[in-house]
C-alpha atoms as a PDB file:
ATOM      1  CA  MET A   1      17.947   3.105 -31.322  1.00  0.00           C
ATOM      2  CA  ASN A   2      17.945   6.653 -29.989  1.00  0.00           C
ATOM      3  CA  GLY A   3      19.602   5.814 -26.899  1.00  0.00           C
ATOM      4  CA  THR A   4      16.945   3.402 -25.375  1.00  0.00           C
ATOM      5  CA  ALA A   5      17.566  -0.670 -25.211  1.00  0.00           C
ATOM      6  CA  TRP A   6      14.264  -1.571 -26.400  1.00  0.00           C
ATOM      7  CA  SER A   7      14.671  -5.324 -26.374  1.00  0.00           C
ATOM      8  CA  ALA A   8      15.912  -5.185 -22.765  1.00  0.00           C
ATOM      9  CA  LEU A   9      13.078  -2.850 -21.840  1.00  0.00           C
ATOM     10  CA  LEU A  10      10.512  -5.347 -23.264  1.00  0.00           C
ATOM     11  CA  ILE A  11      11.700  -7.710 -20.802  1.00  0.00           C
ATOM     12  CA  ASN A  12      11.359  -5.370 -18.138  1.00  0.00           C
ATOM     13  CA  LEU A  13       7.884  -4.502 -18.985  1.00  0.00           C
ATOM     14  CA  VAL A  14       6.821  -8.223 -18.608  1.00  0.00           C
ATOM     15  CA  ALA A  15       8.697  -8.411 -14.984  1.00  0.00           C
ATOM     16  CA  SER A  16       7.250  -5.000 -13.591  1.00  0.00           C
ATOM     17  CA  ALA A  17       3.581  -6.341 -14.922  1.00  0.00           C
ATOM     18  CA  ALA A  18       4.166  -9.517 -13.003  1.00  0.00           C
ATOM     19  CA  THR A  19       5.882  -7.444  -9.737  1.00  0.00           C
ATOM     20  CA  ALA A  20       2.734  -5.291  -9.788  1.00  0.00           C
ATOM     21  CA  GLY A  21       0.409  -8.077 -10.258  1.00  0.00           C
ATOM     22  CA  ALA A  22       2.220 -10.442  -7.392  1.00  0.00           C
ATOM     23  CA  LEU A  23       1.787  -7.346  -4.940  1.00  0.00           C
ATOM     24  CA  LEU A  24      -1.791  -6.514  -5.516  1.00  0.00           C
ATOM     25  CA  LEU A  25      -2.596 -10.248  -5.317  1.00  0.00           C
ATOM     26  CA  ALA A  26      -0.742 -10.510  -1.906  1.00  0.00           C
ATOM     27  CA  THR A  27      -2.836  -7.436  -1.068  1.00  0.00           C
ATOM     28  CA  PHE A  28      -5.896  -8.880  -1.980  1.00  0.00           C
ATOM     29  CA  ALA A  29      -5.405 -12.060   0.214  1.00  0.00           C
ATOM     30  CA  VAL A  30      -4.618 -10.016   3.196  1.00  0.00           C
ATOM     31  CA  ALA A  31      -7.734  -7.669   2.475  1.00  0.00           C
ATOM     32  CA  VAL A  32     -10.139 -10.881   2.155  1.00  0.00           C
ATOM     33  CA  ARG A  33      -8.699 -12.139   5.178  1.00  0.00           C
ATOM     34  CA  ARG A  34      -9.321  -9.088   7.334  1.00  0.00           C
ATOM     35  CA  GLY A  35     -12.145  -8.019   5.667  1.00  0.00           C
ATOM     36  CA  LEU A  36     -10.867  -4.816   4.798  1.00  0.00           C
ATOM     37  CA  HIS A  37     -10.509  -3.797   1.335  1.00  0.00           C
ATOM     38  CA  ARG A  38      -9.175  -0.013   2.127  1.00  0.00           C
ATOM     39  CA  ILE A  39      -5.654  -1.418   2.494  1.00  0.00           C
ATOM     40  CA  VAL A  40      -5.283  -1.605  -0.952  1.00  0.00           C
ATOM     41  CA  ASP A  41      -4.765   2.228  -0.968  1.00  0.00           C
ATOM     42  CA  ILE A  42      -1.621   1.401   0.787  1.00  0.00           C
ATOM     43  CA  ALA A  43      -0.490  -0.949  -1.669  1.00  0.00           C
ATOM     44  CA  TRP A  44      -0.768   1.665  -4.527  1.00  0.00           C
ATOM     45  CA  GLY A  45       2.457   3.490  -3.546  1.00  0.00           C
ATOM     46  CA  LEU A  46       4.254   0.161  -2.597  1.00  0.00           C
ATOM     47  CA  ALA A  47       3.480  -1.180  -5.873  1.00  0.00           C
ATOM     48  CA  PHE A  48       5.126   1.898  -7.906  1.00  0.00           C
ATOM     49  CA  SER A  49       8.050   1.345  -5.414  1.00  0.00           C
ATOM     50  CA  ALA A  50       8.370  -2.100  -6.106  1.00  0.00           C
ATOM     51  CA  VAL A  51       8.345  -1.773  -9.801  1.00  0.00           C
ATOM     52  CA  ALA A  52      11.079   0.847  -9.338  1.00  0.00           C
ATOM     53  CA  VAL A  53      13.378  -1.538  -7.670  1.00  0.00           C
ATOM     54  CA  VAL A  54      12.814  -4.337 -10.008  1.00  0.00           C
ATOM     55  CA  THR A  55      13.366  -2.178 -12.952  1.00  0.00           C
ATOM     56  CA  TRP A  56      16.554  -0.343 -11.549  1.00  0.00           C
ATOM     57  CA  LEU A  57      18.018  -4.133 -11.038  1.00  0.00           C
ATOM     58  CA  LEU A  58      17.112  -5.305 -14.242  1.00  0.00           C
ATOM     59  CA  SER A  59      18.443  -2.343 -16.166  1.00  0.00           C
ATOM     60  CA  ALA A  60      21.689  -2.460 -14.854  1.00  0.00           C
ATOM     61  CA  GLY A  61      24.219  -2.158 -17.679  1.00  0.00           C
ATOM     62  CA  HIS A  62      21.401  -1.075 -20.187  1.00  0.00           C
ATOM     63  CA  GLY A  63      20.848   2.591 -19.052  1.00  0.00           C
ATOM     64  CA  ASP A  64      22.844   5.489 -17.994  1.00  0.00           C
ATOM     65  CA  ASP A  65      23.467   4.619 -13.883  1.00  0.00           C
ATOM     66  CA  GLY A  66      22.576   8.343 -12.759  1.00  0.00           C
ATOM     67  CA  ARG A  67      19.459   8.409 -14.812  1.00  0.00           C
ATOM     68  CA  ARG A  68      18.796   5.016 -13.571  1.00  0.00           C
ATOM     69  CA  LEU A  69      19.257   5.801  -9.738  1.00  0.00           C
ATOM     70  CA  LEU A  70      17.665   9.240  -9.975  1.00  0.00           C
ATOM     71  CA  VAL A  71      14.381   7.775 -11.444  1.00  0.00           C
ATOM     72  CA  ALA A  72      14.594   4.773  -8.961  1.00  0.00           C
ATOM     73  CA  ALA A  73      15.126   6.837  -6.176  1.00  0.00           C
ATOM     74  CA  ALA A  74      12.282   9.310  -6.926  1.00  0.00           C
ATOM     75  CA  THR A  75       9.426   6.748  -7.464  1.00  0.00           C
ATOM     76  CA  VAL A  76      10.550   4.965  -4.271  1.00  0.00           C
ATOM     77  CA  LEU A  77      10.426   8.034  -2.071  1.00  0.00           C
ATOM     78  CA  TRP A  78       7.282   9.127  -3.388  1.00  0.00           C
ATOM     79  CA  GLY A  79       5.649   5.727  -2.888  1.00  0.00           C
ATOM     80  CA  LEU A  80       6.804   5.023   0.341  1.00  0.00           C
ATOM     81  CA  ARG A  81       5.941   8.398   1.543  1.00  0.00           C
ATOM     82  CA  LEU A  82       2.385   7.846   0.096  1.00  0.00           C
ATOM     83  CA  ALA A  83       2.093   4.431   1.505  1.00  0.00           C
ATOM     84  CA  ALA A  84       3.316   5.546   4.927  1.00  0.00           C
ATOM     85  CA  HIS A  85       0.711   8.653   4.986  1.00  0.00           C
ATOM     86  CA  ILE A  86      -2.204   6.363   4.071  1.00  0.00           C
ATOM     87  CA  ALA A  87      -1.466   3.876   6.472  1.00  0.00           C
ATOM     88  CA  ARG A  88      -1.250   6.368   9.342  1.00  0.00           C
ATOM     89  CA  ARG A  89      -4.570   8.134   8.111  1.00  0.00           C
ATOM     90  CA  SER A  90      -6.302   4.643   7.999  1.00  0.00           C
ATOM     91  CA  ARG A  91      -5.052   3.285  11.380  1.00  0.00           C
ATOM     92  CA  GLY A  92      -8.352   2.471  13.550  1.00  0.00           C
ATOM     93  CA  HIS A  93     -10.878   2.975  10.878  1.00  0.00           C
ATOM     94  CA  GLY A  94     -12.894   0.476   9.168  1.00  0.00           C
ATOM     95  CA  GLU A  95     -13.996   0.028   5.470  1.00  0.00           C
ATOM     96  CA  ASP A  96     -13.877   3.120   3.227  1.00  0.00           C
ATOM     97  CA  PRO A  97     -17.056   4.232   2.089  1.00  0.00           C
ATOM     98  CA  ARG A  98     -15.872   3.971  -1.501  1.00  0.00           C
ATOM     99  CA  TYR A  99     -15.529   0.276  -1.520  1.00  0.00           C
ATOM    100  CA  THR A 100     -18.558  -0.489   0.487  1.00  0.00           C
ATOM    101  CA  ALA A 101     -20.347   1.583  -2.215  1.00  0.00           C
ATOM    102  CA  LEU A 102     -18.710  -0.383  -5.117  1.00  0.00           C
ATOM    103  CA  LEU A 103     -19.187  -3.882  -3.724  1.00  0.00           C
ATOM    104  CA  ALA A 104     -22.422  -2.980  -3.025  1.00  0.00           C
ATOM    105  CA  LYS A 105     -23.362  -2.968  -6.958  1.00  0.00           C
ATOM    106  CA  ALA A 106     -21.257  -5.957  -7.348  1.00  0.00           C
ATOM    107  CA  PRO A 107     -22.871  -8.681  -9.790  1.00  0.00           C
ATOM    108  CA  GLY A 108     -22.289 -11.831  -8.226  1.00  0.00           C
ATOM    109  CA  ASN A 109     -19.413 -12.675  -6.195  1.00  0.00           C
ATOM    110  CA  ARG A 110     -18.404  -9.511  -4.141  1.00  0.00           C
ATOM    111  CA  THR A 111     -15.029 -11.071  -3.610  1.00  0.00           C
ATOM    112  CA  LEU A 112     -14.320 -11.942  -7.203  1.00  0.00           C
ATOM    113  CA  TYR A 113     -15.955  -8.613  -8.153  1.00  0.00           C
ATOM    114  CA  ALA A 114     -13.390  -6.920  -5.996  1.00  0.00           C
ATOM    115  CA  LEU A 115     -10.351  -8.741  -7.152  1.00  0.00           C
ATOM    116  CA  ARG A 116     -11.237  -8.064 -10.824  1.00  0.00           C
ATOM    117  CA  THR A 117     -12.201  -4.348 -10.549  1.00  0.00           C
ATOM    118  CA  VAL A 118     -10.283  -3.111  -7.521  1.00  0.00           C
ATOM    119  CA  TYR A 119      -6.838  -5.267  -7.468  1.00  0.00           C
ATOM    120  CA  LEU A 120      -6.015  -6.515 -10.743  1.00  0.00           C
ATOM    121  CA  GLY A 121      -7.494  -3.075 -12.166  1.00  0.00           C
ATOM    122  CA  GLN A 122      -4.807  -1.126 -10.020  1.00  0.00           C
ATOM    123  CA  ALA A 123      -1.940  -3.860 -10.953  1.00  0.00           C
ATOM    124  CA  ALA A 124      -2.726  -2.683 -14.555  1.00  0.00           C
ATOM    125  CA  LEU A 125      -2.769   0.972 -13.653  1.00  0.00           C
ATOM    126  CA  VAL A 126       0.681   0.632 -11.983  1.00  0.00           C
ATOM    127  CA  TRP A 127       2.123  -1.082 -14.998  1.00  0.00           C
ATOM    128  CA  LEU A 128       0.962   1.846 -17.249  1.00  0.00           C
ATOM    129  CA  ILE A 129       1.381   4.700 -15.243  1.00  0.00           C
ATOM    130  CA  SER A 130       5.153   3.458 -14.001  1.00  0.00           C
ATOM    131  CA  LEU A 131       6.092   3.395 -18.152  1.00  0.00           C
ATOM    132  CA  PRO A 132       8.309   6.708 -17.798  1.00  0.00           C
ATOM    133  CA  VAL A 133      10.147   4.876 -14.835  1.00  0.00           C
ATOM    134  CA  GLN A 134      10.553   1.765 -16.989  1.00  0.00           C
ATOM    135  CA  ALA A 135      11.866   3.541 -19.897  1.00  0.00           C
ATOM    136  CA  ALA A 136      14.187   6.220 -18.281  1.00  0.00           C
ATOM    137  CA  SER A 137      16.088   3.625 -16.796  1.00  0.00           C
ATOM    138  CA  TYR A 138      16.728   1.962 -20.213  1.00  0.00           C
ATOM    139  CA  SER A 139      17.977   5.239 -21.880  1.00  0.00           C
ATOM    140  CA  SER A 140      21.781   5.303 -22.149  1.00  0.00           C
ATOM    141  CA  ALA A 141      21.542   9.476 -22.064  1.00  0.00           C
ATOM    142  CA  PRO A 142      23.575  10.692 -19.723  1.00  0.00           C
ATOM    143  CA  LEU A 143      21.745  13.407 -17.016  1.00  0.00           C
ATOM    144  CA  ASP A 144      21.252  16.849 -18.677  1.00  0.00           C
ATOM    145  CA  LEU A 145      19.351  20.008 -18.231  1.00  0.00           C
ATOM    146  CA  PRO A 146      15.649  18.633 -19.015  1.00  0.00           C
ATOM    147  CA  ALA A 147      16.551  15.584 -16.478  1.00  0.00           C
ATOM    148  CA  PHE A 148      17.389  18.114 -14.000  1.00  0.00           C
ATOM    149  CA  CYS A 149      14.345  20.071 -14.679  1.00  0.00           C
ATOM    150  CA  GLY A 150      12.220  17.081 -14.623  1.00  0.00           C
ATOM    151  CA  ILE A 151      13.418  16.005 -11.023  1.00  0.00           C
ATOM    152  CA  ALA A 152      12.997  19.681  -9.975  1.00  0.00           C
ATOM    153  CA  LEU A 153       9.253  19.467 -11.036  1.00  0.00           C
ATOM    154  CA  TRP A 154       8.957  16.005  -9.201  1.00  0.00           C
ATOM    155  CA  ALA A 155      10.319  17.672  -6.175  1.00  0.00           C
ATOM    156  CA  LEU A 156       7.922  20.339  -6.485  1.00  0.00           C
ATOM    157  CA  GLY A 157       5.012  18.068  -6.885  1.00  0.00           C
ATOM    158  CA  LEU A 158       6.269  15.997  -3.811  1.00  0.00           C
ATOM    159  CA  ALA A 159       6.496  18.868  -1.568  1.00  0.00           C
ATOM    160  CA  PHE A 160       3.062  20.017  -2.519  1.00  0.00           C
ATOM    161  CA  GLU A 161       1.461  16.825  -1.997  1.00  0.00           C
ATOM    162  CA  ALA A 162       3.215  16.226   1.463  1.00  0.00           C
ATOM    163  CA  VAL A 163       2.758  19.754   2.904  1.00  0.00           C
ATOM    164  CA  GLY A 164      -0.654  19.406   1.800  1.00  0.00           C
ATOM    165  CA  ASP A 165      -1.164  16.070   3.462  1.00  0.00           C
ATOM    166  CA  HIS A 166       0.485  17.287   6.522  1.00  0.00           C
ATOM    167  CA  GLN A 167      -1.469  20.455   6.895  1.00  0.00           C
ATOM    168  CA  LEU A 168      -4.610  18.394   6.597  1.00  0.00           C
ATOM    169  CA  ALA A 169      -3.789  16.023   9.140  1.00  0.00           C
ATOM    170  CA  ARG A 170      -3.019  18.655  11.814  1.00  0.00           C
ATOM    171  CA  PHE A 171      -6.067  20.291  11.278  1.00  0.00           C
ATOM    172  CA  LYS A 172      -8.134  17.161  11.640  1.00  0.00           C
ATOM    173  CA  GLN A 173      -6.402  16.548  14.852  1.00  0.00           C
ATOM    174  CA  ASP A 174      -7.734  19.495  16.628  1.00  0.00           C
ATOM    175  CA  PRO A 175     -11.078  18.750  18.091  1.00  0.00           C
ATOM    176  CA  ALA A 176     -12.261  22.732  17.294  1.00  0.00           C
ATOM    177  CA  ASN A 177     -12.205  22.057  13.718  1.00  0.00           C
ATOM    178  CA  ARG A 178     -14.645  19.020  14.020  1.00  0.00           C
ATOM    179  CA  GLY A 179     -17.336  19.523  10.854  1.00  0.00           C
ATOM    180  CA  ARG A 180     -15.353  22.427   9.495  1.00  0.00           C
ATOM    181  CA  ILE A 181     -13.880  22.603   6.154  1.00  0.00           C
ATOM    182  CA  MET A 182     -10.343  22.723   5.941  1.00  0.00           C
ATOM    183  CA  ASP A 183      -9.630  26.147   3.975  1.00  0.00           C
ATOM    184  CA  LYS A 184      -6.092  27.231   5.438  1.00  0.00           C
ATOM    185  CA  GLY A 185      -2.355  26.918   4.012  1.00  0.00           C
ATOM    186  CA  LEU A 186      -2.248  25.205   0.552  1.00  0.00           C
ATOM    187  CA  TRP A 187      -5.788  24.348   0.849  1.00  0.00           C
ATOM    188  CA  ALA A 188      -7.077  28.009   0.494  1.00  0.00           C
ATOM    189  CA  TRP A 189      -5.060  27.897  -2.981  1.00  0.00           C
ATOM    190  CA  THR A 190      -6.408  24.743  -4.263  1.00  0.00           C
ATOM    191  CA  ARG A 191      -9.251  22.372  -2.807  1.00  0.00           C
ATOM    192  CA  HIS A 192      -6.692  19.163  -3.733  1.00  0.00           C
ATOM    193  CA  PRO A 193      -3.064  20.437  -3.149  1.00  0.00           C
ATOM    194  CA  ASN A 194      -2.287  16.402  -2.554  1.00  0.00           C
ATOM    195  CA  TYR A 195      -3.662  15.733  -5.951  1.00  0.00           C
ATOM    196  CA  PHE A 196      -1.958  18.423  -7.777  1.00  0.00           C
ATOM    197  CA  GLY A 197       1.259  17.586  -6.438  1.00  0.00           C
ATOM    198  CA  ASP A 198       0.731  13.779  -7.393  1.00  0.00           C
ATOM    199  CA  SER A 199       0.223  14.949 -10.914  1.00  0.00           C
ATOM    200  CA  LEU A 200       3.274  17.247 -10.921  1.00  0.00           C
ATOM    201  CA  VAL A 201       5.377  14.180  -9.462  1.00  0.00           C
ATOM    202  CA  TRP A 202       4.159  11.845 -12.849  1.00  0.00           C
ATOM    203  CA  TRP A 203       4.979  14.792 -15.143  1.00  0.00           C
ATOM    204  CA  GLY A 204       8.312  15.266 -13.592  1.00  0.00           C
ATOM    205  CA  LEU A 205       9.082  11.503 -14.001  1.00  0.00           C
ATOM    206  CA  TYR A 206       7.420  11.794 -17.533  1.00  0.00           C
ATOM    207  CA  VAL A 207      10.182  14.405 -18.212  1.00  0.00           C
ATOM    208  CA  LEU A 208      12.931  11.950 -17.170  1.00  0.00           C
ATOM    209  CA  ALA A 209      11.932   9.587 -19.797  1.00  0.00           C
ATOM    210  CA  CYS A 210      11.917  12.269 -22.637  1.00  0.00           C
ATOM    211  CA  THR A 211      15.330  11.481 -23.786  1.00  0.00           C
ATOM    212  CA  ALA A 212      14.000  11.076 -27.645  1.00  0.00           C
ATOM    213  CA  TRP A 213      10.737  11.504 -29.193  1.00  0.00           C
ATOM    214  CA  GLN A 214      10.125   7.783 -29.471  1.00  0.00           C
ATOM    215  CA  PRO A 215       9.866   7.068 -25.509  1.00  0.00           C
ATOM    216  CA  ALA A 216       8.716  10.735 -24.958  1.00  0.00           C
ATOM    217  CA  LEU A 217       5.376   9.847 -27.224  1.00  0.00           C
ATOM    218  CA  THR A 218       5.459   6.010 -26.106  1.00  0.00           C
ATOM    219  CA  VAL A 219       5.127   6.758 -22.170  1.00  0.00           C
ATOM    220  CA  LEU A 220       3.056  10.135 -22.564  1.00  0.00           C
ATOM    221  CA  VAL A 221      -0.095   8.151 -21.557  1.00  0.00           C
ATOM    222  CA  SER A 222       1.036   7.852 -17.848  1.00  0.00           C
ATOM    223  CA  PRO A 223       1.147  11.501 -16.596  1.00  0.00           C
ATOM    224  CA  VAL A 224      -2.062  12.184 -18.941  1.00  0.00           C
ATOM    225  CA  LEU A 225      -3.663   8.953 -17.147  1.00  0.00           C
ATOM    226  CA  MET A 226      -2.614   9.598 -13.629  1.00  0.00           C
ATOM    227  CA  THR A 227      -3.835  13.404 -14.232  1.00  0.00           C
ATOM    228  CA  ALA A 228      -7.177  12.327 -15.477  1.00  0.00           C
ATOM    229  CA  LEU A 229      -7.587   9.879 -12.406  1.00  0.00           C
ATOM    230  CA  LEU A 230      -6.805  12.505 -10.026  1.00  0.00           C
ATOM    231  CA  THR A 231      -9.196  15.024 -11.675  1.00  0.00           C
ATOM    232  CA  VAL A 232     -12.026  13.370 -13.445  1.00  0.00           C
ATOM    233  CA  GLY A 233     -11.552   9.735 -12.194  1.00  0.00           C
ATOM    234  CA  SER A 234     -11.662   8.252  -8.770  1.00  0.00           C
ATOM    235  CA  GLY A 235      -9.655  11.134  -7.088  1.00  0.00           C
ATOM    236  CA  LYS A 236     -11.171  14.647  -7.251  1.00  0.00           C
ATOM    237  CA  ARG A 237     -14.818  13.821  -8.532  1.00  0.00           C
ATOM    238  CA  LEU A 238     -15.581  11.414  -5.982  1.00  0.00           C
ATOM    239  CA  LEU A 239     -14.192  13.020  -2.959  1.00  0.00           C
ATOM    240  CA  GLU A 240     -16.020  16.315  -3.711  1.00  0.00           C
ATOM    241  CA  LYS A 241     -19.280  14.285  -4.396  1.00  0.00           C
ATOM    242  CA  HIS A 242     -18.699  12.805  -0.713  1.00  0.00           C
ATOM    243  CA  MET A 243     -18.049  16.131   0.579  1.00  0.00           C
ATOM    244  CA  SER A 244     -20.607  18.334  -1.203  1.00  0.00           C
ATOM    245  CA  GLY A 245     -23.441  17.837   1.372  1.00  0.00           C
ATOM    246  CA  ARG A 246     -21.066  19.177   4.006  1.00  0.00           C
ATOM    247  CA  PRO A 247     -21.978  22.793   5.653  1.00  0.00           C
ATOM    248  CA  GLY A 248     -19.584  25.322   4.255  1.00  0.00           C
ATOM    249  CA  TYR A 249     -18.333  23.243   1.349  1.00  0.00           C
ATOM    250  CA  ALA A 250     -20.164  24.946  -1.238  1.00  0.00           C
ATOM    251  CA  ALA A 251     -18.904  28.417  -0.507  1.00  0.00           C
ATOM    252  CA  TYR A 252     -15.084  26.785  -0.061  1.00  0.00           C
ATOM    253  CA  ALA A 253     -15.633  25.589  -3.572  1.00  0.00           C
ATOM    254  CA  ALA A 254     -16.624  28.796  -5.093  1.00  0.00           C
ATOM    255  CA  ARG A 255     -13.724  30.793  -3.706  1.00  0.00           C
ATOM    256  CA  THR A 256     -11.112  28.053  -4.035  1.00  0.00           C
ATOM    257  CA  SER A 257      -9.570  26.949  -7.312  1.00  0.00           C
ATOM    258  CA  GLY A 258     -10.491  23.142  -7.940  1.00  0.00           C
ATOM    259  CA  PHE A 259      -7.398  21.861  -8.906  1.00  0.00           C
ATOM    260  CA  PHE A 260      -4.456  24.307 -10.181  1.00  0.00           C
ATOM    261  CA  PRO A 261      -3.188  26.456  -7.283  1.00  0.00           C
ATOM    262  CA  LEU A 262      -4.849  30.080  -7.572  1.00  0.00           C
ATOM    263  CA  PRO A 263      -5.217  32.851  -4.933  1.00  0.00           C
ATOM    264  CA  PRO A 264      -8.632  32.572  -3.218  1.00  0.00           C
ATOM    265  CA  ARG A 265     -11.324  34.480  -5.107  1.00  0.00           C
ATOM    266  CA  ARG A 266     -12.403  37.695  -3.156  1.00  0.00           C
ATOM    267  CA  THR A 267     -15.818  38.744  -2.129  1.00  0.00           C
ATOM    268  CA  ALA A 268     -17.033  42.267  -3.250  1.00  0.00           C
ATOM    269  CA  ARG A 269     -15.780  43.811   0.017  1.00  0.00           C
ATOM    270  CA  GLY A 270     -12.371  42.592  -1.227  1.00  0.00           C
ATOM    271  CA  THR A 271     -11.439  40.262   1.576  1.00  0.00           C
ATOM    272  CA  PRO A 272     -11.575  36.417   1.139  1.00  0.00           C
ATOM    273  CA  GLU A 273     -14.480  34.607   2.447  1.00  0.00           C
ATOM    274  CA  ARG A 274     -14.100  32.215   5.222  1.00  0.00           C
ATOM    275  CA  THR A 275     -15.974  28.938   6.461  1.00  0.00           C
ATOM    276  CA  LYS A 276     -17.562  29.813   9.731  1.00  0.00           C
END
């Protein structure tokens, strides 16, 4: 059926749901014991990596070996880099204000509310967003030009995300930048280079799954959902709400693209504004 082992893929969908659920439940247990729910952000990338590894193992003999290995390696590399970055960034910090605010609104038991809305919710999102990884692994189509275009898009996204994260980390390490707005490097072209790169990663993985119209249509929800989460969901929208009161941020937002990288807007005098 158009080069996809659908019956085997259905089994994989069940296994991947169990994998994501088990990892997020284990994270929940650790978080409750430590009283720190922000560690779920580390588990986000790890859960995608785990699903990719399980899918690679189960898809042996069903999909093209080159495509299977490529999509698994790409997903694991992205997931582990993201998890490591968040772990480094979180070291020595207390609870994330997002989770404090969320749990403050909990109706009833806060722990059970966190389990339902954060951990089980993220497990469901991991399963849904990882659909291209699973579908691509069960395609018998050999690697072709569209597949290499997909991996090129993935690589561009990963580079954008990693460079943006590195630039921001270096900026924050300098005591002279305390209280200032990061507006250098990629951050001069977009207010969210890491989110933009994240989106490209998943559009690239989606292209790897587009070996026929059926899987392409079935898994389109993945990059669309990830992009929506990053732009109007829990990513860009919440971060900008948190940053809006900081001195200089309004001017930075006025001259810098919100998502897609674009040259900084210029003042009437023809030179880019800078945060003082």
